[in-house]
Amino acid sequence: MTGFDFATLPNQTPLARPSSVGARVYELLRNAIVQLQLRPGHALSEAELAGHLGVSRQPVREAFIKLSEAGLVEIRPQRGTFVRLISKREVENAQFLREAIEVAIVRKAAGQASTERIGELREIVEQQRKTALKGDHSGFLRLDELFHQVIAASVGCDDAWRVLDSLKAQMDRVRYLSLPNATPIEIIIEQHSKILDAVEAKAPDKAETAMHEHLREILKSLPMLAEEKYDYFTE
């Protein structure tokens, strides 16, 4: 992990609560990998991370195992632990599964979402416009995540969202790479607005079409990103 700037980790607060240490270490490292603060191919030091976070090596070791299961790190016996390169095939597979699930969710939302939930979604889109003007790409993507999560919650599909969340780590890395050039932020905002308009109008076919268009955006930028950032990707 030589040369890595610990200050780029999302949270520098020591992890003092024993019952939540393992989960918090995992969350911190997952966010750092997904947001490309820990880049594909980067070597991870169990001892350095434990020292930086103020924990023993055990929760870091456990986090590495969970990250390996999530497809974000590779543990190589006798060689070390490394952030996995992004697999184009895994991104495409995750996108396929996500689209199938979210299209079903948005059709349901178009018939059942409450006025309160629709208002909440409108506010999220408005906040996205504000973060876009500030150039806050991380904030924008957090709101993007929230938009989809609230749609799922609006029709009681929280379990489906948890399944999606476990599937899309590879996709999320590509999403961070894609902003703002490969996928213009204005397009995402426009697509969110179209989805929301269809949900509010109780038009499931239009909502489905809009969600298809939105979730396939990543497939447009993936080839270009894989070429530009070839050292981040693997076939």
Protein backbone atom coordinates (compact mmCIF):
# COMPACT_ATOMS: atom_id res chain seq x y z
CA MET A 1 0.00 0.00 0.00
CA THR A 2 3.03 2.20 -0.33
CA GLY A 3 2.28 5.71 -1.57
CA PHE A 4 -1.41 5.65 -0.72
CA ASP A 5 -2.75 8.82 0.87
CA PHE A 6 -4.89 7.77 3.82
CA ALA A 7 -6.52 11.20 3.78
CA THR A 8 -8.49 10.11 0.71
CA LEU A 9 -10.43 7.54 2.71
CA PRO A 10 -14.03 8.70 3.25
CA ASN A 11 -13.84 8.71 7.05
CA GLN A 12 -10.86 9.26 9.32
CA THR A 13 -12.67 8.75 12.66
CA PRO A 14 -11.26 5.87 14.77
CA LEU A 15 -13.63 2.92 14.89
CA ALA A 16 -14.17 2.64 18.61
CA ARG A 17 -17.41 0.65 18.98
CA PRO A 18 -16.50 -3.06 19.12
CA SER A 19 -19.92 -4.28 18.00
CA SER A 20 -19.76 -2.24 14.79
CA VAL A 21 -16.04 -2.31 14.00
CA GLY A 22 -16.12 -5.05 11.37
CA ALA A 23 -19.12 -3.63 9.54
CA ARG A 24 -17.70 -0.12 9.60
CA VAL A 25 -14.29 -1.20 8.29
CA TYR A 26 -16.02 -3.05 5.47
CA GLU A 27 -18.19 -0.01 4.67
CA LEU A 28 -15.22 2.34 4.61
CA LEU A 29 -13.15 0.13 2.34
CA ARG A 30 -16.06 -0.68 0.04
CA ASN A 31 -16.82 3.02 -0.40
CA ALA A 32 -13.15 3.81 -1.03
CA ILE A 33 -12.95 1.11 -3.70
CA VAL A 34 -16.27 1.96 -5.37
CA GLN A 35 -15.39 5.68 -5.40
CA LEU A 36 -11.96 4.81 -6.86
CA GLN A 37 -10.02 6.31 -3.95
CA LEU A 38 -8.49 2.82 -3.80
CA ARG A 39 -7.88 2.18 -7.47
CA PRO A 40 -8.08 -1.10 -9.40
CA GLY A 41 -4.87 -3.08 -8.99
CA HIS A 42 -3.87 -1.27 -5.79
CA ALA A 43 -2.15 -3.37 -3.11
CA LEU A 44 -3.83 -3.28 0.32
CA SER A 45 -1.90 -3.62 3.55
CA GLU A 46 -3.79 -5.17 6.45
CA ALA A 47 -1.32 -3.74 8.97
CA GLU A 48 -1.34 -0.19 7.54
CA LEU A 49 -5.12 -0.04 7.35
CA ALA A 50 -5.51 -1.38 10.88
CA GLY A 51 -3.07 1.24 12.19
CA HIS A 52 -4.75 4.07 10.30
CA LEU A 53 -8.24 3.12 11.45
CA GLY A 54 -7.22 2.44 15.03
CA VAL A 55 -8.40 -1.17 15.07
CA SER A 56 -6.82 -4.59 15.36
CA ARG A 57 -5.96 -6.51 12.20
CA GLN A 58 -8.86 -8.95 12.68
CA PRO A 59 -11.71 -6.68 11.45
CA VAL A 60 -9.57 -5.60 8.51
CA ARG A 61 -8.94 -9.24 7.65
CA GLU A 62 -12.67 -9.96 7.90
CA ALA A 63 -13.44 -6.96 5.68
CA PHE A 64 -10.99 -8.26 3.07
CA ILE A 65 -12.85 -11.59 3.01
CA LYS A 66 -16.24 -9.88 2.55
CA LEU A 67 -14.81 -7.60 -0.14
CA SER A 68 -13.43 -10.66 -1.90
CA GLU A 69 -16.88 -12.26 -1.82
CA ALA A 70 -18.31 -9.02 -3.27
CA GLY A 71 -15.80 -9.19 -6.11
CA LEU A 72 -13.95 -6.02 -5.11
CA VAL A 73 -10.63 -7.41 -3.87
CA GLU A 74 -8.48 -10.39 -4.74
CA ILE A 75 -6.64 -12.24 -2.00
CA ARG A 76 -3.53 -13.90 -3.44
CA PRO A 77 -1.89 -16.38 -1.06
CA GLN A 78 1.72 -15.47 -0.27
CA ARG A 79 1.43 -12.33 -2.42
CA GLY A 80 -1.08 -10.04 -0.73
CA THR A 81 -4.50 -8.47 -1.21
CA PHE A 82 -5.27 -6.26 -4.20
CA VAL A 83 -8.20 -4.18 -5.41
CA ARG A 84 -9.68 -6.17 -8.29
CA LEU A 85 -9.64 -4.81 -11.79
CA ILE A 86 -13.08 -4.00 -13.18
CA SER A 87 -14.56 -6.85 -15.18
CA LYS A 88 -16.55 -5.69 -18.20
CA ARG A 89 -18.39 -9.01 -18.24
CA GLU A 90 -19.42 -8.66 -14.59
CA VAL A 91 -20.57 -5.08 -15.17
CA GLU A 92 -22.74 -6.20 -18.10
CA ASN A 93 -24.18 -9.12 -16.10
CA ALA A 94 -24.94 -6.87 -13.12
CA GLN A 95 -26.59 -4.33 -15.40
CA PHE A 96 -28.78 -7.05 -16.91
CA LEU A 97 -29.95 -8.24 -13.49
CA ARG A 98 -30.44 -4.72 -12.16
CA GLU A 99 -32.54 -3.73 -15.16
CA ALA A 100 -34.80 -6.79 -14.79
CA ILE A 101 -35.44 -6.05 -11.11
CA GLU A 102 -35.80 -2.26 -11.32
CA VAL A 103 -38.17 -2.38 -14.29
CA ALA A 104 -40.49 -4.62 -12.25
CA ILE A 105 -40.20 -2.22 -9.30
CA VAL A 106 -40.95 0.91 -11.33
CA ARG A 107 -44.00 -0.67 -12.94
CA LYS A 108 -45.32 -1.39 -9.46
CA ALA A 109 -44.46 2.14 -8.33
CA ALA A 110 -46.40 3.60 -11.25
CA GLY A 111 -49.53 2.11 -9.75
CA GLN A 112 -48.85 2.36 -6.03
CA ALA A 113 -46.41 5.16 -5.12
CA SER A 114 -47.96 7.68 -2.73
CA THR A 115 -48.10 11.43 -3.21
CA GLU A 116 -45.64 11.80 -0.31
CA ARG A 117 -43.11 9.47 -1.91
CA ILE A 118 -43.43 11.24 -5.26
CA GLY A 119 -42.77 14.53 -3.50
CA GLU A 120 -39.69 13.00 -1.87
CA LEU A 121 -38.44 11.87 -5.27
CA ARG A 122 -39.02 15.35 -6.73
CA GLU A 123 -36.89 16.80 -3.96
CA ILE A 124 -34.10 14.30 -4.69
CA VAL A 125 -34.05 15.31 -8.36
CA GLU A 126 -33.93 18.98 -7.34
CA GLN A 127 -31.02 18.27 -5.02
CA GLN A 128 -29.26 16.53 -7.89
CA ARG A 129 -29.56 19.69 -9.96
CA LYS A 130 -27.95 21.67 -7.13
CA THR A 131 -25.07 19.24 -6.65
CA ALA A 132 -24.50 19.20 -10.41
CA LEU A 133 -24.10 22.99 -10.42
CA LYS A 134 -21.54 22.66 -7.62
CA GLY A 135 -19.60 19.98 -9.51
CA ASP A 136 -20.10 17.59 -6.57
CA HIS A 137 -20.00 14.28 -8.42
CA SER A 138 -19.85 12.09 -5.32
CA GLY A 139 -22.87 13.87 -3.86
CA PHE A 140 -24.68 13.55 -7.16
CA LEU A 141 -24.16 9.79 -7.27
CA ARG A 142 -25.26 9.38 -3.65
CA LEU A 143 -28.50 11.12 -4.63
CA ASP A 144 -28.75 8.93 -7.72
CA GLU A 145 -28.55 5.90 -5.43
CA LEU A 146 -31.18 7.40 -3.12
CA PHE A 147 -33.56 8.06 -6.02
CA HIS A 148 -33.63 4.38 -6.95
CA GLN A 149 -33.76 3.25 -3.34
CA VAL A 150 -36.77 5.45 -2.59
CA ILE A 151 -38.63 4.10 -5.63
CA ALA A 152 -38.11 0.58 -4.26
CA ALA A 153 -39.15 1.65 -0.75
CA SER A 154 -42.28 3.35 -2.11
CA VAL A 155 -43.72 -0.07 -2.98
CA GLY A 156 -42.22 -2.10 -0.14
CA CYS A 157 -39.43 -3.62 -2.23
CA ASP A 158 -36.67 -3.00 0.32
CA ASP A 159 -35.49 -6.62 0.12
CA ALA A 160 -35.18 -6.34 -3.65
CA TRP A 161 -33.08 -3.22 -3.19
CA ARG A 162 -30.74 -5.05 -0.81
CA VAL A 163 -30.26 -7.73 -3.46
CA LEU A 164 -29.49 -5.02 -6.02
CA ASP A 165 -27.04 -3.33 -3.68
CA SER A 166 -25.05 -6.54 -3.37
CA LEU A 167 -24.95 -6.97 -7.16
CA LYS A 168 -23.88 -3.58 -8.39
CA ALA A 169 -20.50 -2.82 -6.81
CA GLN A 170 -18.73 -3.28 -10.16
CA MET A 171 -21.32 -1.09 -11.87
CA ASP A 172 -20.85 1.61 -9.26
CA ARG A 173 -17.15 1.87 -10.01
CA VAL A 174 -17.97 2.47 -13.68
CA ARG A 175 -20.56 5.08 -12.68
CA TYR A 176 -17.91 7.02 -10.77
CA LEU A 177 -15.57 6.80 -13.77
CA SER A 178 -18.28 7.95 -16.17
CA LEU A 179 -18.97 11.36 -14.61
CA PRO A 180 -18.99 14.00 -15.87
CA ASN A 181 -17.64 13.30 -19.36
CA ALA A 182 -18.72 9.83 -20.46
CA THR A 183 -22.25 10.28 -19.14
CA PRO A 184 -23.32 13.94 -18.97
CA ILE A 185 -25.05 14.71 -15.69
CA GLU A 186 -27.82 16.60 -17.47
CA ILE A 187 -28.85 13.39 -19.22
CA ILE A 188 -29.17 11.53 -15.92
CA ILE A 189 -31.32 14.29 -14.43
CA GLU A 190 -33.54 14.31 -17.51
CA GLN A 191 -33.92 10.53 -17.35
CA HIS A 192 -34.82 10.63 -13.64
CA SER A 193 -37.43 13.28 -14.40
CA LYS A 194 -38.97 11.12 -17.15
CA ILE A 195 -39.16 8.13 -14.82
CA LEU A 196 -40.77 10.22 -12.12
CA ASP A 197 -43.26 11.86 -14.49
CA ALA A 198 -44.41 8.41 -15.64
CA VAL A 199 -44.73 7.16 -12.04
CA GLU A 200 -46.75 10.22 -11.07
CA ALA A 201 -48.96 9.83 -14.14
CA LYS A 202 -49.56 6.17 -13.18
CA ALA A 203 -48.27 5.10 -16.59
CA PRO A 204 -46.40 1.79 -16.06
CA ASP A 205 -45.47 1.29 -19.72
CA LYS A 206 -43.87 4.74 -19.93
CA ALA A 207 -42.16 4.20 -16.57
CA GLU A 208 -40.74 0.90 -17.81
CA THR A 209 -39.46 2.44 -21.04
CA ALA A 210 -37.87 5.34 -19.17
CA MET A 211 -36.17 2.99 -16.70
CA HIS A 212 -34.84 0.79 -19.52
CA GLU A 213 -33.33 3.86 -21.20
CA HIS A 214 -31.80 5.10 -17.96
CA LEU A 215 -30.21 1.83 -16.84
CA ARG A 216 -28.73 1.13 -20.27
CA GLU A 217 -26.81 4.39 -20.20
CA ILE A 218 -23.86 2.65 -18.55
CA LEU A 219 -23.55 0.27 -21.51
CA LYS A 220 -22.95 3.26 -23.79
CA SER A 221 -20.05 4.59 -21.73
CA LEU A 222 -18.47 1.24 -20.78
CA PRO A 223 -16.51 0.59 -24.02
CA MET A 224 -15.06 4.11 -24.08
CA LEU A 225 -14.07 3.97 -20.40
CA ALA A 226 -12.49 0.54 -20.81
CA GLU A 227 -10.38 1.95 -23.64
CA GLU A 228 -9.43 5.18 -21.87
CA LYS A 229 -8.74 3.53 -18.49
CA TYR A 230 -7.44 0.24 -19.86
CA ASP A 231 -5.27 -0.32 -16.78
CA TYR A 232 -8.42 -0.37 -14.61
CA PHE A 233 -10.19 -3.10 -16.59
CA THR A 234 -9.91 -6.76 -17.37
CA GLU A 235 -11.84 -8.84 -19.87
